[in-house]
Amino acid sequence: MLNILNIGFILVFLGACGILVNKRNILISVIAIELMFYGLNFYLISLSIFLDDILGEILSLMVLTLAAAESALALALIMSYFRIYSNILINEN
């Protein structure tokens, strides 16, 4: 069971590293945040199965809803940023 829980932790860690390493591309940052959400979902579902409890799966569905709303909002912001600046790279000036 610990190996399964470690997979969720590794996904969250990789998402955090993706945000910290990437400083210029907005799209990569959004993908890293989504990876963190999916790692959290994996962790919640595996813990819910291990404890034989439904609440972790319900919370996971709520986190998935939040992740879908976040990705839709981020895509709209990226498109408007692209229309204004003609690229999706963040200026560091």
PDB file of N, CA and C in Angstrom:
ATOM      1  N   MET A   1       0.819  -1.198   0.000  1.00  0.00           N
ATOM      2  CA  MET A   1       0.000   0.000   0.000  1.00  0.00           C
ATOM      3  C   MET A   1       0.858   1.256   0.000  1.00  0.00           C
ATOM      4  N   LEU A   2       2.010   1.194   0.647  1.00  0.00           N
ATOM      5  CA  LEU A   2       2.860   2.371   0.708  1.00  0.00           C
ATOM      6  C   LEU A   2       3.381   2.763  -0.667  1.00  0.00           C
ATOM      7  N   ASN A   3       3.623   1.770  -1.527  1.00  0.00           N
ATOM      8  CA  ASN A   3       4.094   2.087  -2.872  1.00  0.00           C
ATOM      9  C   ASN A   3       3.041   2.848  -3.665  1.00  0.00           C
ATOM     10  N   ILE A   4       1.782   2.486  -3.479  1.00  0.00           N
ATOM     11  CA  ILE A   4       0.704   3.180  -4.183  1.00  0.00           C
ATOM     12  C   ILE A   4       0.578   4.606  -3.672  1.00  0.00           C
ATOM     13  N   LEU A   5       0.687   4.813  -2.369  1.00  0.00           N
ATOM     14  CA  LEU A   5       0.611   6.164  -1.821  1.00  0.00           C
ATOM     15  C   LEU A   5       1.803   7.000  -2.257  1.00  0.00           C
ATOM     16  N   ASN A   6       2.955   6.358  -2.428  1.00  0.00           N
ATOM     17  CA  ASN A   6       4.137   7.085  -2.877  1.00  0.00           C
ATOM     18  C   ASN A   6       3.985   7.596  -4.308  1.00  0.00           C
ATOM     19  N   ILE A   7       3.206   6.906  -5.134  1.00  0.00           N
ATOM     20  CA  ILE A   7       2.995   7.362  -6.503  1.00  0.00           C
ATOM     21  C   ILE A   7       2.274   8.706  -6.504  1.00  0.00           C
ATOM     22  N   GLY A   8       1.247   8.853  -5.664  1.00  0.00           N
ATOM     23  CA  GLY A   8       0.552  10.132  -5.552  1.00  0.00           C
ATOM     24  C   GLY A   8       1.467  11.234  -5.063  1.00  0.00           C
ATOM     25  N   PHE A   9       2.303  10.905  -4.090  1.00  0.00           N
ATOM     26  CA  PHE A   9       3.249  11.896  -3.569  1.00  0.00           C
ATOM     27  C   PHE A   9       4.262  12.297  -4.634  1.00  0.00           C
ATOM     28  N   ILE A  10       4.708  11.341  -5.427  1.00  0.00           N
ATOM     29  CA  ILE A  10       5.676  11.632  -6.488  1.00  0.00           C
ATOM     30  C   ILE A  10       5.052  12.531  -7.555  1.00  0.00           C
ATOM     31  N   LEU A  11       3.784  12.289  -7.890  1.00  0.00           N
ATOM     32  CA  LEU A  11       3.113  13.148  -8.868  1.00  0.00           C
ATOM     33  C   LEU A  11       2.995  14.584  -8.371  1.00  0.00           C
ATOM     34  N   VAL A  12       2.645  14.758  -7.095  1.00  0.00           N
ATOM     35  CA  VAL A  12       2.555  16.105  -6.529  1.00  0.00           C
ATOM     36  C   VAL A  12       3.937  16.759  -6.511  1.00  0.00           C
ATOM     37  N   PHE A  13       4.952  15.999  -6.160  1.00  0.00           N
ATOM     38  CA  PHE A  13       6.315  16.523  -6.123  1.00  0.00           C
ATOM     39  C   PHE A  13       6.791  16.942  -7.514  1.00  0.00           C
ATOM     40  N   LEU A  14       6.499  16.131  -8.531  1.00  0.00           N
ATOM     41  CA  LEU A  14       6.887  16.477  -9.895  1.00  0.00           C
ATOM     42  C   LEU A  14       6.162  17.733 -10.381  1.00  0.00           C
ATOM     43  N   GLY A  15       4.890  17.882  -9.998  1.00  0.00           N
ATOM     44  CA  GLY A  15       4.165  19.096 -10.355  1.00  0.00           C
ATOM     45  C   GLY A  15       4.756  20.322  -9.698  1.00  0.00           C
ATOM     46  N   ALA A  16       5.139  20.201  -8.425  1.00  0.00           N
ATOM     47  CA  ALA A  16       5.768  21.329  -7.728  1.00  0.00           C
ATOM     48  C   ALA A  16       7.123  21.663  -8.345  1.00  0.00           C
ATOM     49  N   CYS A  17       7.877  20.644  -8.715  1.00  0.00           N
ATOM     50  CA  CYS A  17       9.167  20.892  -9.383  1.00  0.00           C
ATOM     51  C   CYS A  17       8.953  21.542 -10.742  1.00  0.00           C
ATOM     52  N   GLY A  18       7.906  21.147 -11.447  1.00  0.00           N
ATOM     53  CA  GLY A  18       7.597  21.755 -12.738  1.00  0.00           C
ATOM     54  C   GLY A  18       7.281  23.230 -12.618  1.00  0.00           C
ATOM     55  N   ILE A  19       6.613  23.624 -11.542  1.00  0.00           N
ATOM     56  CA  ILE A  19       6.308  25.036 -11.325  1.00  0.00           C
ATOM     57  C   ILE A  19       7.577  25.794 -10.942  1.00  0.00           C
ATOM     58  N   LEU A  20       8.386  25.206 -10.087  1.00  0.00           N
ATOM     59  CA  LEU A  20       9.584  25.900  -9.623  1.00  0.00           C
ATOM     60  C   LEU A  20      10.651  26.025 -10.711  1.00  0.00           C
ATOM     61  N   VAL A  21      10.793  25.004 -11.542  1.00  0.00           N
ATOM     62  CA  VAL A  21      11.829  25.022 -12.580  1.00  0.00           C
ATOM     63  C   VAL A  21      11.419  25.927 -13.740  1.00  0.00           C
ATOM     64  N   ASN A  22      10.148  25.871 -14.119  1.00  0.00           N
ATOM     65  CA  ASN A  22       9.675  26.644 -15.260  1.00  0.00           C
ATOM     66  C   ASN A  22       9.274  28.040 -14.802  1.00  0.00           C
ATOM     67  N   LYS A  23       9.918  29.034 -15.350  1.00  0.00           N
ATOM     68  CA  LYS A  23       9.608  30.411 -14.959  1.00  0.00           C
ATOM     69  C   LYS A  23       9.052  31.236 -16.117  1.00  0.00           C
ATOM     70  N   ARG A  24       9.077  30.701 -17.346  1.00  0.00           N
ATOM     71  CA  ARG A  24       8.714  31.536 -18.487  1.00  0.00           C
ATOM     72  C   ARG A  24       7.440  31.122 -19.195  1.00  0.00           C
ATOM     73  N   ASN A  25       7.123  29.852 -19.283  1.00  0.00           N
ATOM     74  CA  ASN A  25       5.997  29.397 -20.085  1.00  0.00           C
ATOM     75  C   ASN A  25       4.772  29.182 -19.201  1.00  0.00           C
ATOM     76  N   ILE A  26       3.692  29.877 -19.535  1.00  0.00           N
ATOM     77  CA  ILE A  26       2.465  29.793 -18.746  1.00  0.00           C
ATOM     78  C   ILE A  26       1.826  28.416 -18.895  1.00  0.00           C
ATOM     79  N   LEU A  27       1.843  27.885 -20.099  1.00  0.00           N
ATOM     80  CA  LEU A  27       1.179  26.603 -20.363  1.00  0.00           C
ATOM     81  C   LEU A  27       1.820  25.459 -19.585  1.00  0.00           C
ATOM     82  N   ILE A  28       3.126  25.444 -19.483  1.00  0.00           N
ATOM     83  CA  ILE A  28       3.815  24.404 -18.715  1.00  0.00           C
ATOM     84  C   ILE A  28       3.462  24.520 -17.232  1.00  0.00           C
ATOM     85  N   SER A  29       3.318  25.730 -16.740  1.00  0.00           N
ATOM     86  CA  SER A  29       2.935  25.930 -15.341  1.00  0.00           C
ATOM     87  C   SER A  29       1.530  25.395 -15.074  1.00  0.00           C
ATOM     88  N   VAL A  30       0.612  25.619 -15.999  1.00  0.00           N
ATOM     89  CA  VAL A  30      -0.760  25.104 -15.847  1.00  0.00           C
ATOM     90  C   VAL A  30      -0.764  23.581 -15.879  1.00  0.00           C
ATOM     91  N   ILE A  31       0.042  22.998 -16.749  1.00  0.00           N
ATOM     92  CA  ILE A  31       0.135  21.538 -16.812  1.00  0.00           C
ATOM     93  C   ILE A  31       0.714  20.985 -15.514  1.00  0.00           C
ATOM     94  N   ALA A  32       1.686  21.679 -14.938  1.00  0.00           N
ATOM     95  CA  ALA A  32       2.266  21.236 -13.664  1.00  0.00           C
ATOM     96  C   ALA A  32       1.237  21.310 -12.538  1.00  0.00           C
ATOM     97  N   ILE A  33       0.403  22.344 -12.534  1.00  0.00           N
ATOM     98  CA  ILE A  33      -0.656  22.447 -11.522  1.00  0.00           C
ATOM     99  C   ILE A  33      -1.658  21.314 -11.687  1.00  0.00           C
ATOM    100  N   GLU A  34      -2.006  20.985 -12.937  1.00  0.00           N
ATOM    101  CA  GLU A  34      -2.914  19.864 -13.191  1.00  0.00           C
ATOM    102  C   GLU A  34      -2.299  18.540 -12.715  1.00  0.00           C
ATOM    103  N   LEU A  35      -1.011  18.384 -12.910  1.00  0.00           N
ATOM    104  CA  LEU A  35      -0.327  17.182 -12.440  1.00  0.00           C
ATOM    105  C   LEU A  35      -0.403  17.081 -10.918  1.00  0.00           C
ATOM    106  N   MET A  36      -0.302  18.213 -10.243  1.00  0.00           N
ATOM    107  CA  MET A  36      -0.442  18.207  -8.783  1.00  0.00           C
ATOM    108  C   MET A  36      -1.854  17.812  -8.368  1.00  0.00           C
ATOM    109  N   PHE A  37      -2.861  18.309  -9.079  1.00  0.00           N
ATOM    110  CA  PHE A  37      -4.248  17.934  -8.772  1.00  0.00           C
ATOM    111  C   PHE A  37      -4.462  16.432  -8.978  1.00  0.00           C
ATOM    112  N   TYR A  38      -3.913  15.887 -10.070  1.00  0.00           N
ATOM    113  CA  TYR A  38      -4.089  14.461 -10.331  1.00  0.00           C
ATOM    114  C   TYR A  38      -3.334  13.595  -9.323  1.00  0.00           C
ATOM    115  N   GLY A  39      -2.188  14.074  -8.864  1.00  0.00           N
ATOM    116  CA  GLY A  39      -1.479  13.361  -7.806  1.00  0.00           C
ATOM    117  C   GLY A  39      -2.272  13.341  -6.517  1.00  0.00           C
ATOM    118  N   LEU A  40      -2.909  14.472  -6.189  1.00  0.00           N
ATOM    119  CA  LEU A  40      -3.763  14.536  -5.006  1.00  0.00           C
ATOM    120  C   LEU A  40      -4.948  13.597  -5.134  1.00  0.00           C
ATOM    121  N   ASN A  41      -5.550  13.551  -6.320  1.00  0.00           N
ATOM    122  CA  ASN A  41      -6.670  12.632  -6.552  1.00  0.00           C
ATOM    123  C   ASN A  41      -6.237  11.179  -6.419  1.00  0.00           C
ATOM    124  N   PHE A  42      -5.099  10.848  -6.972  1.00  0.00           N
ATOM    125  CA  PHE A  42      -4.590   9.478  -6.869  1.00  0.00           C
ATOM    126  C   PHE A  42      -4.364   9.096  -5.407  1.00  0.00           C
ATOM    127  N   TYR A  43      -3.802  10.034  -4.657  1.00  0.00           N
ATOM    128  CA  TYR A  43      -3.547   9.802  -3.235  1.00  0.00           C
ATOM    129  C   TYR A  43      -4.859   9.617  -2.477  1.00  0.00           C
ATOM    130  N   LEU A  44      -5.847  10.484  -2.734  1.00  0.00           N
ATOM    131  CA  LEU A  44      -7.131  10.386  -2.039  1.00  0.00           C
ATOM    132  C   LEU A  44      -7.867   9.088  -2.357  1.00  0.00           C
ATOM    133  N   ILE A  45      -7.862   8.695  -3.617  1.00  0.00           N
ATOM    134  CA  ILE A  45      -8.580   7.476  -3.990  1.00  0.00           C
ATOM    135  C   ILE A  45      -7.895   6.239  -3.428  1.00  0.00           C
ATOM    136  N   SER A  46      -6.569   6.186  -3.485  1.00  0.00           N
ATOM    137  CA  SER A  46      -5.886   5.009  -2.948  1.00  0.00           C
ATOM    138  C   SER A  46      -6.025   4.934  -1.431  1.00  0.00           C
ATOM    139  N   LEU A  47      -6.009   6.068  -0.754  1.00  0.00           N
ATOM    140  CA  LEU A  47      -6.214   6.058   0.693  1.00  0.00           C
ATOM    141  C   LEU A  47      -7.648   5.679   1.040  1.00  0.00           C
ATOM    142  N   SER A  48      -8.594   6.120   0.223  1.00  0.00           N
ATOM    143  CA  SER A  48      -9.991   5.770   0.447  1.00  0.00           C
ATOM    144  C   SER A  48     -10.221   4.268   0.260  1.00  0.00           C
ATOM    145  N   ILE A  49      -9.572   3.687  -0.730  1.00  0.00           N
ATOM    146  CA  ILE A  49      -9.696   2.241  -0.933  1.00  0.00           C
ATOM    147  C   ILE A  49      -9.046   1.479   0.214  1.00  0.00           C
ATOM    148  N   PHE A  50      -7.901   1.969   0.663  1.00  0.00           N
ATOM    149  CA  PHE A  50      -7.189   1.312   1.759  1.00  0.00           C
ATOM    150  C   PHE A  50      -7.997   1.357   3.054  1.00  0.00           C
ATOM    151  N   LEU A  51      -8.650   2.485   3.341  1.00  0.00           N
ATOM    152  CA  LEU A  51      -9.432   2.623   4.567  1.00  0.00           C
ATOM    153  C   LEU A  51     -10.876   2.153   4.428  1.00  0.00           C
ATOM    154  N   ASP A  52     -11.276   1.744   3.221  1.00  0.00           N
ATOM    155  CA  ASP A  52     -12.632   1.297   2.928  1.00  0.00           C
ATOM    156  C   ASP A  52     -13.655   2.369   3.315  1.00  0.00           C
ATOM    157  N   ASP A  53     -13.411   3.586   2.805  1.00  0.00           N
ATOM    158  CA  ASP A  53     -14.248   4.728   3.107  1.00  0.00           C
ATOM    159  C   ASP A  53     -14.589   5.446   1.803  1.00  0.00           C
ATOM    160  N   ILE A  54     -15.823   5.930   1.688  1.00  0.00           N
ATOM    161  CA  ILE A  54     -16.264   6.573   0.459  1.00  0.00           C
ATOM    162  C   ILE A  54     -15.946   8.067   0.430  1.00  0.00           C
ATOM    163  N   LEU A  55     -15.642   8.656   1.565  1.00  0.00           N
ATOM    164  CA  LEU A  55     -15.455  10.100   1.636  1.00  0.00           C
ATOM    165  C   LEU A  55     -14.249  10.582   0.816  1.00  0.00           C
ATOM    166  N   GLY A  56     -13.206   9.792   0.744  1.00  0.00           N
ATOM    167  CA  GLY A  56     -12.052  10.161  -0.063  1.00  0.00           C
ATOM    168  C   GLY A  56     -12.390  10.208  -1.545  1.00  0.00           C
ATOM    169  N   GLU A  57     -13.241   9.312  -1.994  1.00  0.00           N
ATOM    170  CA  GLU A  57     -13.646   9.308  -3.394  1.00  0.00           C
ATOM    171  C   GLU A  57     -14.560  10.480  -3.705  1.00  0.00           C
ATOM    172  N   ILE A  58     -15.417  10.845  -2.771  1.00  0.00           N
ATOM    173  CA  ILE A  58     -16.272  12.021  -2.966  1.00  0.00           C
ATOM    174  C   ILE A  58     -15.425  13.289  -3.010  1.00  0.00           C
ATOM    175  N   LEU A  59     -14.468  13.393  -2.119  1.00  0.00           N
ATOM    176  CA  LEU A  59     -13.566  14.547  -2.126  1.00  0.00           C
ATOM    177  C   LEU A  59     -12.741  14.587  -3.413  1.00  0.00           C
ATOM    178  N   SER A  60     -12.386  13.424  -3.917  1.00  0.00           N
ATOM    179  CA  SER A  60     -11.638  13.356  -5.167  1.00  0.00           C
ATOM    180  C   SER A  60     -12.479  13.881  -6.337  1.00  0.00           C
ATOM    181  N   LEU A  61     -13.765  13.577  -6.349  1.00  0.00           N
ATOM    182  CA  LEU A  61     -14.639  14.117  -7.390  1.00  0.00           C
ATOM    183  C   LEU A  61     -14.733  15.637  -7.300  1.00  0.00           C
ATOM    184  N   MET A  62     -14.755  16.162  -6.091  1.00  0.00           N
ATOM    185  CA  MET A  62     -14.790  17.620  -5.928  1.00  0.00           C
ATOM    186  C   MET A  62     -13.486  18.259  -6.391  1.00  0.00           C
ATOM    187  N   VAL A  63     -12.367  17.597  -6.112  1.00  0.00           N
ATOM    188  CA  VAL A  63     -11.073  18.112  -6.569  1.00  0.00           C
ATOM    189  C   VAL A  63     -10.990  18.057  -8.089  1.00  0.00           C
ATOM    190  N   LEU A  64     -11.542  17.007  -8.714  1.00  0.00           N
ATOM    191  CA  LEU A  64     -11.571  16.930 -10.171  1.00  0.00           C
ATOM    192  C   LEU A  64     -12.405  18.054 -10.771  1.00  0.00           C
ATOM    193  N   THR A  65     -13.518  18.391 -10.125  1.00  0.00           N
ATOM    194  CA  THR A  65     -14.342  19.509 -10.585  1.00  0.00           C
ATOM    195  C   THR A  65     -13.576  20.813 -10.490  1.00  0.00           C
ATOM    196  N   LEU A  66     -12.870  21.000  -9.393  1.00  0.00           N
ATOM    197  CA  LEU A  66     -12.047  22.196  -9.224  1.00  0.00           C
ATOM    198  C   LEU A  66     -10.944  22.247 -10.267  1.00  0.00           C
ATOM    199  N   ALA A  67     -10.330  21.120 -10.570  1.00  0.00           N
ATOM    200  CA  ALA A  67      -9.255  21.080 -11.572  1.00  0.00           C
ATOM    201  C   ALA A  67      -9.794  21.395 -12.969  1.00  0.00           C
ATOM    202  N   ALA A  68     -10.995  20.916 -13.282  1.00  0.00           N
ATOM    203  CA  ALA A  68     -11.584  21.218 -14.590  1.00  0.00           C
ATOM    204  C   ALA A  68     -11.898  22.704 -14.716  1.00  0.00           C
ATOM    205  N   ALA A  69     -12.434  23.302 -13.658  1.00  0.00           N
ATOM    206  CA  ALA A  69     -12.723  24.739 -13.687  1.00  0.00           C
ATOM    207  C   ALA A  69     -11.429  25.552 -13.784  1.00  0.00           C
ATOM    208  N   GLU A  70     -10.406  25.111 -13.082  1.00  0.00           N
ATOM    209  CA  GLU A  70      -9.120  25.821 -13.113  1.00  0.00           C
ATOM    210  C   GLU A  70      -8.493  25.741 -14.494  1.00  0.00           C
ATOM    211  N   SER A  71      -8.570  24.606 -15.142  1.00  0.00           N
ATOM    212  CA  SER A  71      -7.963  24.490 -16.469  1.00  0.00           C
ATOM    213  C   SER A  71      -8.746  25.284 -17.504  1.00  0.00           C
ATOM    214  N   ALA A  72     -10.067  25.353 -17.389  1.00  0.00           N
ATOM    215  CA  ALA A  72     -10.856  26.162 -18.323  1.00  0.00           C
ATOM    216  C   ALA A  72     -10.545  27.647 -18.147  1.00  0.00           C
ATOM    217  N   LEU A  73     -10.442  28.097 -16.911  1.00  0.00           N
ATOM    218  CA  LEU A  73     -10.107  29.492 -16.645  1.00  0.00           C
ATOM    219  C   LEU A  73      -8.689  29.813 -17.105  1.00  0.00           C
ATOM    220  N   ALA A  74      -7.756  28.908 -16.860  1.00  0.00           N
ATOM    221  CA  ALA A  74      -6.377  29.131 -17.280  1.00  0.00           C
ATOM    222  C   ALA A  74      -6.262  29.179 -18.798  1.00  0.00           C
ATOM    223  N   LEU A  75      -7.007  28.331 -19.495  1.00  0.00           N
ATOM    224  CA  LEU A  75      -6.973  28.352 -20.954  1.00  0.00           C
ATOM    225  C   LEU A  75      -7.524  29.669 -21.496  1.00  0.00           C
ATOM    226  N   ALA A  76      -8.595  30.188 -20.889  1.00  0.00           N
ATOM    227  CA  ALA A  76      -9.141  31.477 -21.313  1.00  0.00           C
ATOM    228  C   ALA A  76      -8.142  32.605 -21.059  1.00  0.00           C
ATOM    229  N   LEU A  77      -7.470  32.569 -19.927  1.00  0.00           N
ATOM    230  CA  LEU A  77      -6.469  33.594 -19.640  1.00  0.00           C
ATOM    231  C   LEU A  77      -5.272  33.508 -20.581  1.00  0.00           C
ATOM    232  N   ILE A  78      -4.848  32.301 -20.907  1.00  0.00           N
ATOM    233  CA  ILE A  78      -3.724  32.119 -21.826  1.00  0.00           C
ATOM    234  C   ILE A  78      -4.093  32.626 -23.217  1.00  0.00           C
ATOM    235  N   MET A  79      -5.320  32.355 -23.651  1.00  0.00           N
ATOM    236  CA  MET A  79      -5.744  32.835 -24.973  1.00  0.00           C
ATOM    237  C   MET A  79      -5.804  34.353 -25.026  1.00  0.00           C
ATOM    238  N   SER A  80      -6.303  34.981 -23.982  1.00  0.00           N
ATOM    239  CA  SER A  80      -6.350  36.448 -23.983  1.00  0.00           C
ATOM    240  C   SER A  80      -4.941  37.041 -23.875  1.00  0.00           C
ATOM    241  N   TYR A  81      -4.062  36.405 -23.114  1.00  0.00           N
ATOM    242  CA  TYR A  81      -2.670  36.849 -23.033  1.00  0.00           C
ATOM    243  C   TYR A  81      -1.983  36.729 -24.387  1.00  0.00           C
ATOM    244  N   PHE A  82      -2.278  35.634 -25.110  1.00  0.00           N
ATOM    245  CA  PHE A  82      -1.685  35.432 -26.428  1.00  0.00           C
ATOM    246  C   PHE A  82      -2.179  36.484 -27.418  1.00  0.00           C
ATOM    247  N   ARG A  83      -3.453  36.857 -27.327  1.00  0.00           N
ATOM    248  CA  ARG A  83      -3.986  37.877 -28.237  1.00  0.00           C
ATOM    249  C   ARG A  83      -3.350  39.234 -28.002  1.00  0.00           C
ATOM    250  N   ILE A  84      -3.005  39.534 -26.773  1.00  0.00           N
ATOM    251  CA  ILE A  84      -2.415  40.834 -26.468  1.00  0.00           C
ATOM    252  C   ILE A  84      -0.927  40.851 -26.825  1.00  0.00           C
ATOM    253  N   TYR A  85      -0.174  39.827 -26.394  1.00  0.00           N
ATOM    254  CA  TYR A  85       1.285  39.845 -26.525  1.00  0.00           C
ATOM    255  C   TYR A  85       1.835  38.980 -27.650  1.00  0.00           C
ATOM    256  N   SER A  86       1.026  38.200 -28.330  1.00  0.00           N
ATOM    257  CA  SER A  86       1.398  37.327 -29.452  1.00  0.00           C
ATOM    258  C   SER A  86       2.371  36.211 -29.072  1.00  0.00           C
ATOM    259  N   ASN A  87       2.532  35.912 -27.800  1.00  0.00           N
ATOM    260  CA  ASN A  87       3.263  34.728 -27.342  1.00  0.00           C
ATOM    261  C   ASN A  87       2.795  34.403 -25.931  1.00  0.00           C
ATOM    262  N   ILE A  88       3.173  33.232 -25.445  1.00  0.00           N
ATOM    263  CA  ILE A  88       2.744  32.842 -24.097  1.00  0.00           C
ATOM    264  C   ILE A  88       3.904  32.787 -23.119  1.00  0.00           C
ATOM    265  N   LEU A  89       5.023  33.414 -23.505  1.00  0.00           N
ATOM    266  CA  LEU A  89       6.160  33.467 -22.601  1.00  0.00           C
ATOM    267  C   LEU A  89       6.018  34.670 -21.674  1.00  0.00           C
ATOM    268  N   ILE A  90       6.392  34.492 -20.441  1.00  0.00           N
ATOM    269  CA  ILE A  90       6.287  35.567 -19.452  1.00  0.00           C
ATOM    270  C   ILE A  90       7.547  36.417 -19.533  1.00  0.00           C
ATOM    271  N   ASN A  91       7.379  37.718 -19.675  1.00  0.00           N
ATOM    272  CA  ASN A  91       8.518  38.630 -19.659  1.00  0.00           C
ATOM    273  C   ASN A  91       8.987  38.825 -18.217  1.00  0.00           C
ATOM    274  N   GLU A  92      10.281  38.871 -18.023  1.00  0.00           N
ATOM    275  CA  GLU A  92      10.825  39.053 -16.693  1.00  0.00           C
ATOM    276  C   GLU A  92      11.313  40.485 -16.473  1.00  0.00           C
ATOM    277  N   ASN A  93      10.817  41.434 -17.244  1.00  0.00           N
ATOM    278  CA  ASN A  93      11.220  42.837 -17.107  1.00  0.00           C
ATOM    279  C   ASN A  93      10.467  43.507 -15.986  1.00  0.00           C
TER     280      ASN A  93
END
